[in-house]
PDB file of all heavy atoms in Angstrom:
ATOM      1  N   GLU A   1      -9.633   5.235   1.163  1.00  0.00           N
ATOM      2  CA  GLU A   1     -10.266   5.555  -0.105  1.00  0.00           C
ATOM      3  C   GLU A   1     -10.446   7.067  -0.151  1.00  0.00           C
ATOM      4  O   GLU A   1     -11.009   7.650   0.774  1.00  0.00           O
ATOM      5  CB  GLU A   1     -11.610   4.844  -0.217  1.00  0.00           C
ATOM      6  CG  GLU A   1     -11.477   3.338  -0.212  1.00  0.00           C
ATOM      7  CD  GLU A   1     -12.802   2.609  -0.239  1.00  0.00           C
ATOM      8  OE1 GLU A   1     -13.779   3.145  -0.817  1.00  0.00           O
ATOM      9  OE2 GLU A   1     -12.869   1.513   0.325  1.00  0.00           O
ATOM     10  N   ARG A   2      -9.928   7.693  -1.219  1.00  0.00           N
ATOM     11  CA  ARG A   2      -9.998   9.149  -1.363  1.00  0.00           C
ATOM     12  C   ARG A   2     -10.351   9.510  -2.788  1.00  0.00           C
ATOM     13  O   ARG A   2     -10.086   8.745  -3.715  1.00  0.00           O
ATOM     14  CB  ARG A   2      -8.646   9.794  -1.054  1.00  0.00           C
ATOM     15  CG  ARG A   2      -8.260   9.796   0.381  1.00  0.00           C
ATOM     16  CD  ARG A   2      -6.948  10.457   0.653  1.00  0.00           C
ATOM     17  NE  ARG A   2      -6.764  11.732  -0.015  1.00  0.00           N
ATOM     18  CZ  ARG A   2      -5.646  12.460   0.052  1.00  0.00           C
ATOM     19  NH1 ARG A   2      -4.631  12.026   0.765  1.00  0.00           N
ATOM     20  NH2 ARG A   2      -5.533  13.603  -0.585  1.00  0.00           N
ATOM     21  N   GLU A   3     -10.907  10.685  -2.926  1.00  0.00           N
ATOM     22  CA  GLU A   3     -11.114  11.227  -4.260  1.00  0.00           C
ATOM     23  C   GLU A   3      -9.998  12.227  -4.534  1.00  0.00           C
ATOM     24  O   GLU A   3      -9.750  13.129  -3.737  1.00  0.00           O
ATOM     25  CB  GLU A   3     -12.469  11.920  -4.372  1.00  0.00           C
ATOM     26  CG  GLU A   3     -12.790  12.313  -5.793  1.00  0.00           C
ATOM     27  CD  GLU A   3     -14.208  12.798  -5.968  1.00  0.00           C
ATOM     28  OE1 GLU A   3     -15.125  12.143  -5.458  1.00  0.00           O
ATOM     29  OE2 GLU A   3     -14.370  13.850  -6.619  1.00  0.00           O
ATOM     30  N   MET A   4      -9.331  12.018  -5.646  1.00  0.00           N
ATOM     31  CA  MET A   4      -8.240  12.909  -6.055  1.00  0.00           C
ATOM     32  C   MET A   4      -8.406  13.201  -7.533  1.00  0.00           C
ATOM     33  O   MET A   4      -8.412  12.271  -8.343  1.00  0.00           O
ATOM     34  CB  MET A   4      -6.875  12.260  -5.787  1.00  0.00           C
ATOM     35  CG  MET A   4      -6.594  11.995  -4.321  1.00  0.00           C
ATOM     36  SD  MET A   4      -5.012  11.156  -4.038  1.00  0.00           S
ATOM     37  CE  MET A   4      -3.891  12.526  -4.326  1.00  0.00           C
ATOM     38  N   GLY A   5      -8.560  14.468  -7.867  1.00  0.00           N
ATOM     39  CA  GLY A   5      -8.710  14.833  -9.275  1.00  0.00           C
ATOM     40  C   GLY A   5      -9.926  14.200  -9.902  1.00  0.00           C
ATOM     41  O   GLY A   5      -9.855  13.712 -11.022  1.00  0.00           O
ATOM     42  N   ALA A   6     -11.045  14.173  -9.187  1.00  0.00           N
ATOM     43  CA  ALA A   6     -12.312  13.592  -9.661  1.00  0.00           C
ATOM     44  C   ALA A   6     -12.194  12.089  -9.939  1.00  0.00           C
ATOM     45  O   ALA A   6     -12.932  11.541 -10.737  1.00  0.00           O
ATOM     46  CB  ALA A   6     -12.834  14.338 -10.891  1.00  0.00           C
ATOM     47  N   ARG A   7     -11.249  11.449  -9.268  1.00  0.00           N
ATOM     48  CA  ARG A   7     -11.053  10.008  -9.443  1.00  0.00           C
ATOM     49  C   ARG A   7     -10.884   9.350  -8.080  1.00  0.00           C
ATOM     50  O   ARG A   7     -10.200   9.879  -7.209  1.00  0.00           O
ATOM     51  CB  ARG A   7      -9.804   9.784 -10.280  1.00  0.00           C
ATOM     52  CG  ARG A   7      -9.548   8.353 -10.615  1.00  0.00           C
ATOM     53  CD  ARG A   7      -8.377   8.235 -11.561  1.00  0.00           C
ATOM     54  NE  ARG A   7      -8.169   6.844 -11.909  1.00  0.00           N
ATOM     55  CZ  ARG A   7      -7.187   6.415 -12.646  1.00  0.00           C
ATOM     56  NH1 ARG A   7      -6.310   7.260 -13.149  1.00  0.00           N
ATOM     57  NH2 ARG A   7      -7.048   5.143 -12.913  1.00  0.00           N
ATOM     58  N   GLN A   8     -11.493   8.203  -7.909  1.00  0.00           N
ATOM     59  CA  GLN A   8     -11.355   7.456  -6.661  1.00  0.00           C
ATOM     60  C   GLN A   8     -10.009   6.739  -6.648  1.00  0.00           C
ATOM     61  O   GLN A   8      -9.658   6.060  -7.623  1.00  0.00           O
ATOM     62  CB  GLN A   8     -12.504   6.441  -6.527  1.00  0.00           C
ATOM     63  CG  GLN A   8     -12.662   5.852  -5.170  1.00  0.00           C
ATOM     64  CD  GLN A   8     -13.181   6.840  -4.133  1.00  0.00           C
ATOM     65  OE1 GLN A   8     -13.568   7.953  -4.436  1.00  0.00           O
ATOM     66  NE2 GLN A   8     -13.194   6.438  -2.885  1.00  0.00           N
ATOM     67  N   VAL A   9      -9.252   6.920  -5.572  1.00  0.00           N
ATOM     68  CA  VAL A   9      -7.959   6.265  -5.441  1.00  0.00           C
ATOM     69  C   VAL A   9      -7.858   5.601  -4.082  1.00  0.00           C
ATOM     70  O   VAL A   9      -8.566   5.965  -3.143  1.00  0.00           O
ATOM     71  CB  VAL A   9      -6.763   7.245  -5.619  1.00  0.00           C
ATOM     72  CG1 VAL A   9      -6.816   7.944  -6.956  1.00  0.00           C
ATOM     73  CG2 VAL A   9      -6.697   8.232  -4.482  1.00  0.00           C
ATOM     74  N   LEU A  10      -6.981   4.633  -3.988  1.00  0.00           N
ATOM     75  CA  LEU A  10      -6.597   4.083  -2.697  1.00  0.00           C
ATOM     76  C   LEU A  10      -5.319   4.816  -2.330  1.00  0.00           C
ATOM     77  O   LEU A  10      -4.313   4.734  -3.042  1.00  0.00           O
ATOM     78  CB  LEU A  10      -6.348   2.577  -2.773  1.00  0.00           C
ATOM     79  CG  LEU A  10      -6.081   1.954  -1.401  1.00  0.00           C
ATOM     80  CD1 LEU A  10      -7.406   1.787  -0.659  1.00  0.00           C
ATOM     81  CD2 LEU A  10      -5.384   0.630  -1.539  1.00  0.00           C
ATOM     82  N   TYR A  11      -5.377   5.572  -1.243  1.00  0.00           N
ATOM     83  CA  TYR A  11      -4.241   6.378  -0.823  1.00  0.00           C
ATOM     84  C   TYR A  11      -3.506   5.663   0.299  1.00  0.00           C
ATOM     85  O   TYR A  11      -4.117   5.232   1.273  1.00  0.00           O
ATOM     86  CB  TYR A  11      -4.711   7.759  -0.355  1.00  0.00           C
ATOM     87  CG  TYR A  11      -3.566   8.727  -0.202  1.00  0.00           C
ATOM     88  CD1 TYR A  11      -3.074   9.419  -1.298  1.00  0.00           C
ATOM     89  CD2 TYR A  11      -2.969   8.924   1.036  1.00  0.00           C
ATOM     90  CE1 TYR A  11      -2.006  10.291  -1.171  1.00  0.00           C
ATOM     91  CE2 TYR A  11      -1.895   9.795   1.166  1.00  0.00           C
ATOM     92  CZ  TYR A  11      -1.428  10.475   0.064  1.00  0.00           C
ATOM     93  OH  TYR A  11      -0.362  11.326   0.197  1.00  0.00           O
ATOM     94  N   ILE A  12      -2.199   5.545   0.151  1.00  0.00           N
ATOM     95  CA  ILE A  12      -1.380   4.935   1.192  1.00  0.00           C
ATOM     96  C   ILE A  12      -0.843   6.058   2.072  1.00  0.00           C
ATOM     97  O   ILE A  12       0.003   6.845   1.640  1.00  0.00           O
ATOM     98  CB  ILE A  12      -0.230   4.099   0.596  1.00  0.00           C
ATOM     99  CG1 ILE A  12      -0.809   2.951  -0.234  1.00  0.00           C
ATOM    100  CG2 ILE A  12       0.685   3.589   1.707  1.00  0.00           C
ATOM    101  CD1 ILE A  12       0.222   2.110  -0.949  1.00  0.00           C
ATOM    102  N   TYR A  13      -1.371   6.132   3.281  1.00  0.00           N
ATOM    103  CA  TYR A  13      -0.913   7.142   4.230  1.00  0.00           C
ATOM    104  C   TYR A  13       0.381   6.725   4.916  1.00  0.00           C
ATOM    105  O   TYR A  13       1.207   7.572   5.246  1.00  0.00           O
ATOM    106  CB  TYR A  13      -1.973   7.402   5.310  1.00  0.00           C
ATOM    107  CG  TYR A  13      -3.031   8.373   4.871  1.00  0.00           C
ATOM    108  CD1 TYR A  13      -4.249   7.927   4.378  1.00  0.00           C
ATOM    109  CD2 TYR A  13      -2.806   9.741   4.933  1.00  0.00           C
ATOM    110  CE1 TYR A  13      -5.223   8.825   3.972  1.00  0.00           C
ATOM    111  CE2 TYR A  13      -3.771  10.639   4.530  1.00  0.00           C
ATOM    112  CZ  TYR A  13      -4.979  10.177   4.048  1.00  0.00           C
ATOM    113  OH  TYR A  13      -5.935  11.069   3.646  1.00  0.00           O
ATOM    114  N   ASP A  14       0.528   5.449   5.157  1.00  0.00           N
ATOM    115  CA  ASP A  14       1.709   5.001   5.889  1.00  0.00           C
ATOM    116  C   ASP A  14       1.972   3.547   5.547  1.00  0.00           C
ATOM    117  O   ASP A  14       1.061   2.714   5.564  1.00  0.00           O
ATOM    118  CB  ASP A  14       1.476   5.147   7.399  1.00  0.00           C
ATOM    119  CG  ASP A  14       2.733   4.996   8.231  1.00  0.00           C
ATOM    120  OD1 ASP A  14       3.844   4.923   7.675  1.00  0.00           O
ATOM    121  OD2 ASP A  14       2.610   4.960   9.470  1.00  0.00           O
ATOM    122  N   ILE A  15       3.200   3.274   5.201  1.00  0.00           N
ATOM    123  CA  ILE A  15       3.664   1.893   5.084  1.00  0.00           C
ATOM    124  C   ILE A  15       5.036   1.873   5.725  1.00  0.00           C
ATOM    125  O   ILE A  15       5.890   2.699   5.413  1.00  0.00           O
ATOM    126  CB  ILE A  15       3.697   1.372   3.634  1.00  0.00           C
ATOM    127  CG1 ILE A  15       4.219  -0.078   3.622  1.00  0.00           C
ATOM    128  CG2 ILE A  15       4.472   2.293   2.721  1.00  0.00           C
ATOM    129  CD1 ILE A  15       3.989  -0.816   2.344  1.00  0.00           C
ATOM    130  N   GLU A  16       5.216   0.977   6.644  1.00  0.00           N
ATOM    131  CA  GLU A  16       6.465   0.923   7.400  1.00  0.00           C
ATOM    132  C   GLU A  16       6.778  -0.529   7.716  1.00  0.00           C
ATOM    133  O   GLU A  16       5.929  -1.245   8.246  1.00  0.00           O
ATOM    134  CB  GLU A  16       6.322   1.717   8.700  1.00  0.00           C
ATOM    135  CG  GLU A  16       7.550   1.734   9.557  1.00  0.00           C
ATOM    136  CD  GLU A  16       8.600   2.744   9.100  1.00  0.00           C
ATOM    137  OE1 GLU A  16       8.265   3.657   8.348  1.00  0.00           O
ATOM    138  OE2 GLU A  16       9.765   2.597   9.518  1.00  0.00           O
ATOM    139  N   ILE A  17       7.971  -0.931   7.370  1.00  0.00           N
ATOM    140  CA  ILE A  17       8.471  -2.236   7.787  1.00  0.00           C
ATOM    141  C   ILE A  17       9.487  -1.964   8.894  1.00  0.00           C
ATOM    142  O   ILE A  17      10.365  -1.106   8.745  1.00  0.00           O
ATOM    143  CB  ILE A  17       9.119  -3.011   6.617  1.00  0.00           C
ATOM    144  CG1 ILE A  17       8.105  -3.241   5.484  1.00  0.00           C
ATOM    145  CG2 ILE A  17       9.721  -4.333   7.104  1.00  0.00           C
ATOM    146  CD1 ILE A  17       6.868  -4.047   5.862  1.00  0.00           C
ATOM    147  N   ASP A  18       9.357  -2.668   9.996  1.00  0.00           N
ATOM    148  CA  ASP A  18      10.258  -2.455  11.125  1.00  0.00           C
ATOM    149  C   ASP A  18      11.705  -2.657  10.669  1.00  0.00           C
ATOM    150  O   ASP A  18      11.998  -3.573   9.885  1.00  0.00           O
ATOM    151  CB  ASP A  18       9.921  -3.412  12.266  1.00  0.00           C
ATOM    152  CG  ASP A  18       8.527  -3.196  12.821  1.00  0.00           C
ATOM    153  OD1 ASP A  18       7.998  -2.063  12.712  1.00  0.00           O
ATOM    154  OD2 ASP A  18       7.948  -4.156  13.361  1.00  0.00           O
ATOM    155  N   PRO A  19      12.622  -1.810  11.161  1.00  0.00           N
ATOM    156  CA  PRO A  19      14.024  -1.869  10.700  1.00  0.00           C
ATOM    157  C   PRO A  19      14.652  -3.262  10.759  1.00  0.00           C
ATOM    158  O   PRO A  19      15.405  -3.629   9.849  1.00  0.00           O
ATOM    159  CB  PRO A  19      14.737  -0.894  11.640  1.00  0.00           C
ATOM    160  CG  PRO A  19      13.684   0.107  12.008  1.00  0.00           C
ATOM    161  CD  PRO A  19      12.407  -0.699  12.105  1.00  0.00           C
ATOM    162  N   ALA A  20      14.339  -4.047  11.758  1.00  0.00           N
ATOM    163  CA  ALA A  20      14.946  -5.381  11.884  1.00  0.00           C
ATOM    164  C   ALA A  20      14.517  -6.332  10.764  1.00  0.00           C
ATOM    165  O   ALA A  20      15.150  -7.359  10.555  1.00  0.00           O
ATOM    166  CB  ALA A  20      14.587  -5.991  13.244  1.00  0.00           C
ATOM    167  N   PHE A  21      13.449  -5.988  10.046  1.00  0.00           N
ATOM    168  CA  PHE A  21      12.915  -6.878   9.014  1.00  0.00           C
ATOM    169  C   PHE A  21      13.101  -6.334   7.599  1.00  0.00           C
ATOM    170  O   PHE A  21      12.628  -6.936   6.642  1.00  0.00           O
ATOM    171  CB  PHE A  21      11.431  -7.145   9.273  1.00  0.00           C
ATOM    172  CG  PHE A  21      11.181  -7.854  10.563  1.00  0.00           C
ATOM    173  CD1 PHE A  21      10.797  -7.140  11.701  1.00  0.00           C
ATOM    174  CD2 PHE A  21      11.333  -9.218  10.663  1.00  0.00           C
ATOM    175  CE1 PHE A  21      10.571  -7.789  12.902  1.00  0.00           C
ATOM    176  CE2 PHE A  21      11.114  -9.880  11.863  1.00  0.00           C
ATOM    177  CZ  PHE A  21      10.739  -9.156  12.977  1.00  0.00           C
ATOM    178  N   ARG A  22      13.767  -5.218   7.461  1.00  0.00           N
ATOM    179  CA  ARG A  22      13.949  -4.619   6.137  1.00  0.00           C
ATOM    180  C   ARG A  22      14.958  -5.416   5.316  1.00  0.00           C
ATOM    181  O   ARG A  22      15.771  -6.146   5.844  1.00  0.00           O
ATOM    182  CB  ARG A  22      14.401  -3.164   6.277  1.00  0.00           C
ATOM    183  CG  ARG A  22      13.304  -2.303   6.848  1.00  0.00           C
ATOM    184  CD  ARG A  22      13.700  -0.864   6.956  1.00  0.00           C
ATOM    185  NE  ARG A  22      12.656  -0.142   7.663  1.00  0.00           N
ATOM    186  CZ  ARG A  22      12.827   1.011   8.250  1.00  0.00           C
ATOM    187  NH1 ARG A  22      14.005   1.610   8.207  1.00  0.00           N
ATOM    188  NH2 ARG A  22      11.819   1.592   8.880  1.00  0.00           N
ATOM    189  N   GLY A  23      14.850  -5.244   4.003  1.00  0.00           N
ATOM    190  CA  GLY A  23      15.784  -5.909   3.100  1.00  0.00           C
ATOM    191  C   GLY A  23      15.403  -7.335   2.772  1.00  0.00           C
ATOM    192  O   GLY A  23      16.202  -8.067   2.184  1.00  0.00           O
ATOM    193  N   ARG A  24      14.202  -7.744   3.129  1.00  0.00           N
ATOM    194  CA  ARG A  24      13.756  -9.125   2.883  1.00  0.00           C
ATOM    195  C   ARG A  24      12.589  -9.206   1.893  1.00  0.00           C
ATOM    196  O   ARG A  24      11.984 -10.252   1.756  1.00  0.00           O
ATOM    197  CB  ARG A  24      13.317  -9.764   4.198  1.00  0.00           C
ATOM    198  CG  ARG A  24      14.397  -9.790   5.250  1.00  0.00           C
ATOM    199  CD  ARG A  24      13.891 -10.404   6.526  1.00  0.00           C
ATOM    200  NE  ARG A  24      14.844 -10.181   7.610  1.00  0.00           N
ATOM    201  CZ  ARG A  24      14.664 -10.606   8.836  1.00  0.00           C
ATOM    202  NH1 ARG A  24      13.575 -11.274   9.159  1.00  0.00           N
ATOM    203  NH2 ARG A  24      15.568 -10.366   9.763  1.00  0.00           N
ATOM    204  N   GLY A  25      12.234  -8.089   1.277  1.00  0.00           N
ATOM    205  CA  GLY A  25      11.132  -8.088   0.323  1.00  0.00           C
ATOM    206  C   GLY A  25       9.768  -7.880   0.964  1.00  0.00           C
ATOM    207  O   GLY A  25       8.748  -7.985   0.287  1.00  0.00           O
ATOM    208  N   LEU A  26       9.735  -7.562   2.242  1.00  0.00           N
ATOM    209  CA  LEU A  26       8.450  -7.398   2.933  1.00  0.00           C
ATOM    210  C   LEU A  26       7.724  -6.126   2.512  1.00  0.00           C
ATOM    211  O   LEU A  26       6.490  -6.117   2.405  1.00  0.00           O
ATOM    212  CB  LEU A  26       8.656  -7.423   4.448  1.00  0.00           C
ATOM    213  CG  LEU A  26       9.236  -8.723   5.002  1.00  0.00           C
ATOM    214  CD1 LEU A  26       9.621  -8.565   6.465  1.00  0.00           C
ATOM    215  CD2 LEU A  26       8.259  -9.869   4.822  1.00  0.00           C
ATOM    216  N   GLY A  27       8.465  -5.050   2.264  1.00  0.00           N
ATOM    217  CA  GLY A  27       7.836  -3.822   1.793  1.00  0.00           C
ATOM    218  C   GLY A  27       7.190  -4.021   0.435  1.00  0.00           C
ATOM    219  O   GLY A  27       6.063  -3.603   0.195  1.00  0.00           O
ATOM    220  N   ARG A  28       7.901  -4.696  -0.457  1.00  0.00           N
ATOM    221  CA  ARG A  28       7.351  -5.003  -1.783  1.00  0.00           C
ATOM    222  C   ARG A  28       6.095  -5.859  -1.650  1.00  0.00           C
ATOM    223  O   ARG A  28       5.068  -5.583  -2.278  1.00  0.00           O
ATOM    224  CB  ARG A  28       8.397  -5.742  -2.621  1.00  0.00           C
ATOM    225  CG  ARG A  28       7.866  -6.278  -3.947  1.00  0.00           C
ATOM    226  CD  ARG A  28       8.980  -6.920  -4.758  1.00  0.00           C
ATOM    227  NE  ARG A  28      10.000  -5.959  -5.105  1.00  0.00           N
ATOM    228  CZ  ARG A  28       9.896  -5.069  -6.093  1.00  0.00           C
ATOM    229  NH1 ARG A  28       8.818  -5.053  -6.844  1.00  0.00           N
ATOM    230  NH2 ARG A  28      10.860  -4.219  -6.343  1.00  0.00           N
ATOM    231  N   ALA A  29       6.163  -6.879  -0.819  1.00  0.00           N
ATOM    232  CA  ALA A  29       5.007  -7.758  -0.633  1.00  0.00           C
ATOM    233  C   ALA A  29       3.827  -6.992  -0.042  1.00  0.00           C
ATOM    234  O   ALA A  29       2.679  -7.195  -0.449  1.00  0.00           O
ATOM    235  CB  ALA A  29       5.389  -8.942   0.258  1.00  0.00           C
ATOM    236  N   ALA A  30       4.099  -6.084   0.895  1.00  0.00           N
ATOM    237  CA  ALA A  30       3.019  -5.286   1.485  1.00  0.00           C
ATOM    238  C   ALA A  30       2.392  -4.364   0.440  1.00  0.00           C
ATOM    239  O   ALA A  30       1.169  -4.169   0.422  1.00  0.00           O
ATOM    240  CB  ALA A  30       3.545  -4.485   2.670  1.00  0.00           C
ATOM    241  N   MET A  31       3.209  -3.807  -0.436  1.00  0.00           N
ATOM    242  CA  MET A  31       2.669  -2.956  -1.503  1.00  0.00           C
ATOM    243  C   MET A  31       1.791  -3.767  -2.453  1.00  0.00           C
ATOM    244  O   MET A  31       0.767  -3.276  -2.931  1.00  0.00           O
ATOM    245  CB  MET A  31       3.811  -2.281  -2.268  1.00  0.00           C
ATOM    246  CG  MET A  31       4.534  -1.215  -1.477  1.00  0.00           C
ATOM    247  SD  MET A  31       3.482   0.180  -0.993  1.00  0.00           S
ATOM    248  CE  MET A  31       3.138   0.894  -2.605  1.00  0.00           C
ATOM    249  N   LEU A  32       2.170  -5.009  -2.705  1.00  0.00           N
ATOM    250  CA  LEU A  32       1.327  -5.862  -3.556  1.00  0.00           C
ATOM    251  C   LEU A  32       0.011  -6.183  -2.866  1.00  0.00           C
ATOM    252  O   LEU A  32      -1.038  -6.278  -3.523  1.00  0.00           O
ATOM    253  CB  LEU A  32       2.088  -7.130  -3.945  1.00  0.00           C
ATOM    254  CG  LEU A  32       3.304  -6.888  -4.856  1.00  0.00           C
ATOM    255  CD1 LEU A  32       4.101  -8.176  -5.032  1.00  0.00           C
ATOM    256  CD2 LEU A  32       2.886  -6.291  -6.185  1.00  0.00           C
ATOM    257  N   LEU A  33       0.028  -6.320  -1.550  1.00  0.00           N
ATOM    258  CA  LEU A  33      -1.228  -6.518  -0.818  1.00  0.00           C
ATOM    259  C   LEU A  33      -2.079  -5.257  -0.842  1.00  0.00           C
ATOM    260  O   LEU A  33      -3.311  -5.343  -0.871  1.00  0.00           O
ATOM    261  CB  LEU A  33      -0.952  -6.960   0.623  1.00  0.00           C
ATOM    262  CG  LEU A  33      -0.438  -8.383   0.777  1.00  0.00           C
ATOM    263  CD1 LEU A  33      -0.132  -8.684   2.249  1.00  0.00           C
ATOM    264  CD2 LEU A  33      -1.420  -9.400   0.223  1.00  0.00           C
ATOM    265  N   ALA A  34      -1.455  -4.094  -0.856  1.00  0.00           N
ATOM    266  CA  ALA A  34      -2.210  -2.845  -1.007  1.00  0.00           C
ATOM    267  C   ALA A  34      -2.915  -2.838  -2.362  1.00  0.00           C
ATOM    268  O   ALA A  34      -4.069  -2.403  -2.466  1.00  0.00           O
ATOM    269  CB  ALA A  34      -1.288  -1.635  -0.858  1.00  0.00           C
ATOM    270  N   GLU A  35      -2.240  -3.343  -3.383  1.00  0.00           N
ATOM    271  CA  GLU A  35      -2.881  -3.447  -4.698  1.00  0.00           C
ATOM    272  C   GLU A  35      -4.103  -4.363  -4.644  1.00  0.00           C
ATOM    273  O   GLU A  35      -5.135  -4.072  -5.251  1.00  0.00           O
ATOM    274  CB  GLU A  35      -1.884  -3.954  -5.742  1.00  0.00           C
ATOM    275  CG  GLU A  35      -0.816  -2.958  -6.089  1.00  0.00           C
ATOM    276  CD  GLU A  35       0.158  -3.469  -7.149  1.00  0.00           C
ATOM    277  OE1 GLU A  35      -0.156  -4.469  -7.849  1.00  0.00           O
ATOM    278  OE2 GLU A  35       1.243  -2.862  -7.276  1.00  0.00           O
ATOM    279  N   GLU A  36      -3.983  -5.469  -3.915  1.00  0.00           N
ATOM    280  CA  GLU A  36      -5.141  -6.363  -3.747  1.00  0.00           C
ATOM    281  C   GLU A  36      -6.286  -5.636  -3.051  1.00  0.00           C
ATOM    282  O   GLU A  36      -7.446  -5.822  -3.404  1.00  0.00           O
ATOM    283  CB  GLU A  36      -4.760  -7.600  -2.926  1.00  0.00           C
ATOM    284  CG  GLU A  36      -3.982  -8.630  -3.671  1.00  0.00           C
ATOM    285  CD  GLU A  36      -3.786  -9.897  -2.846  1.00  0.00           C
ATOM    286  OE1 GLU A  36      -4.525 -10.115  -1.859  1.00  0.00           O
ATOM    287  OE2 GLU A  36      -2.889 -10.667  -3.198  1.00  0.00           O
ATOM    288  N   GLN A  37      -5.961  -4.834  -2.053  1.00  0.00           N
ATOM    289  CA  GLN A  37      -6.985  -4.062  -1.349  1.00  0.00           C
ATOM    290  C   GLN A  37      -7.690  -3.118  -2.313  1.00  0.00           C
ATOM    291  O   GLN A  37      -8.912  -2.983  -2.273  1.00  0.00           O
ATOM    292  CB  GLN A  37      -6.370  -3.275  -0.181  1.00  0.00           C
ATOM    293  CG  GLN A  37      -5.949  -4.121   0.991  1.00  0.00           C
ATOM    294  CD  GLN A  37      -7.139  -4.697   1.712  1.00  0.00           C
ATOM    295  OE1 GLN A  37      -8.126  -4.022   1.973  1.00  0.00           O
ATOM    296  NE2 GLN A  37      -7.065  -5.976   2.033  1.00  0.00           N
ATOM    297  N   ALA A  38      -6.937  -2.449  -3.169  1.00  0.00           N
ATOM    298  CA  ALA A  38      -7.531  -1.536  -4.145  1.00  0.00           C
ATOM    299  C   ALA A  38      -8.465  -2.292  -5.082  1.00  0.00           C
ATOM    300  O   ALA A  38      -9.612  -1.881  -5.300  1.00  0.00           O
ATOM    301  CB  ALA A  38      -6.443  -0.817  -4.937  1.00  0.00           C
ATOM    302  N   ARG A  39      -7.989  -3.396  -5.623  1.00  0.00           N
ATOM    303  CA  ARG A  39      -8.823  -4.177  -6.549  1.00  0.00           C
ATOM    304  C   ARG A  39     -10.091  -4.681  -5.871  1.00  0.00           C
ATOM    305  O   ARG A  39     -11.167  -4.659  -6.466  1.00  0.00           O
ATOM    306  CB  ARG A  39      -8.021  -5.350  -7.106  1.00  0.00           C
ATOM    307  CG  ARG A  39      -6.995  -4.941  -8.124  1.00  0.00           C
ATOM    308  CD  ARG A  39      -6.314  -6.165  -8.754  1.00  0.00           C
ATOM    309  NE  ARG A  39      -5.166  -5.748  -9.515  1.00  0.00           N
ATOM    310  CZ  ARG A  39      -3.911  -5.777  -9.067  1.00  0.00           C
ATOM    311  NH1 ARG A  39      -3.634  -6.252  -7.864  1.00  0.00           N
ATOM    312  NH2 ARG A  39      -2.920  -5.357  -9.833  1.00  0.00           N
ATOM    313  N   ALA A  40      -9.972  -5.123  -4.627  1.00  0.00           N
ATOM    314  CA  ALA A  40     -11.145  -5.621  -3.892  1.00  0.00           C
ATOM    315  C   ALA A  40     -12.183  -4.524  -3.695  1.00  0.00           C
ATOM    316  O   ALA A  40     -13.376  -4.810  -3.571  1.00  0.00           O
ATOM    317  CB  ALA A  40     -10.710  -6.196  -2.535  1.00  0.00           C
ATOM    318  N   ARG A  41     -11.752  -3.282  -3.664  1.00  0.00           N
ATOM    319  CA  ARG A  41     -12.653  -2.135  -3.493  1.00  0.00           C
ATOM    320  C   ARG A  41     -13.106  -1.562  -4.833  1.00  0.00           C
ATOM    321  O   ARG A  41     -13.807  -0.558  -4.879  1.00  0.00           O
ATOM    322  CB  ARG A  41     -11.946  -1.048  -2.687  1.00  0.00           C
ATOM    323  CG  ARG A  41     -11.728  -1.410  -1.235  1.00  0.00           C
ATOM    324  CD  ARG A  41     -10.752  -0.417  -0.584  1.00  0.00           C
ATOM    325  NE  ARG A  41     -10.730  -0.495   0.860  1.00  0.00           N
ATOM    326  CZ  ARG A  41     -10.128  -1.421   1.571  1.00  0.00           C
ATOM    327  NH1 ARG A  41      -9.491  -2.400   0.945  1.00  0.00           N
ATOM    328  NH2 ARG A  41     -10.158  -1.412   2.877  1.00  0.00           N
TER     329      ARG A  41
END
């Protein structure tokens, strides 16, 4: 949780899907879970 431009944001410092698991929609799904985290906060 960070303040940017006088607004509270959820900042993603790092998102990484291991190379062996890429191309399966896991990055997209993880980003959607990040959205859930933001809404929960």
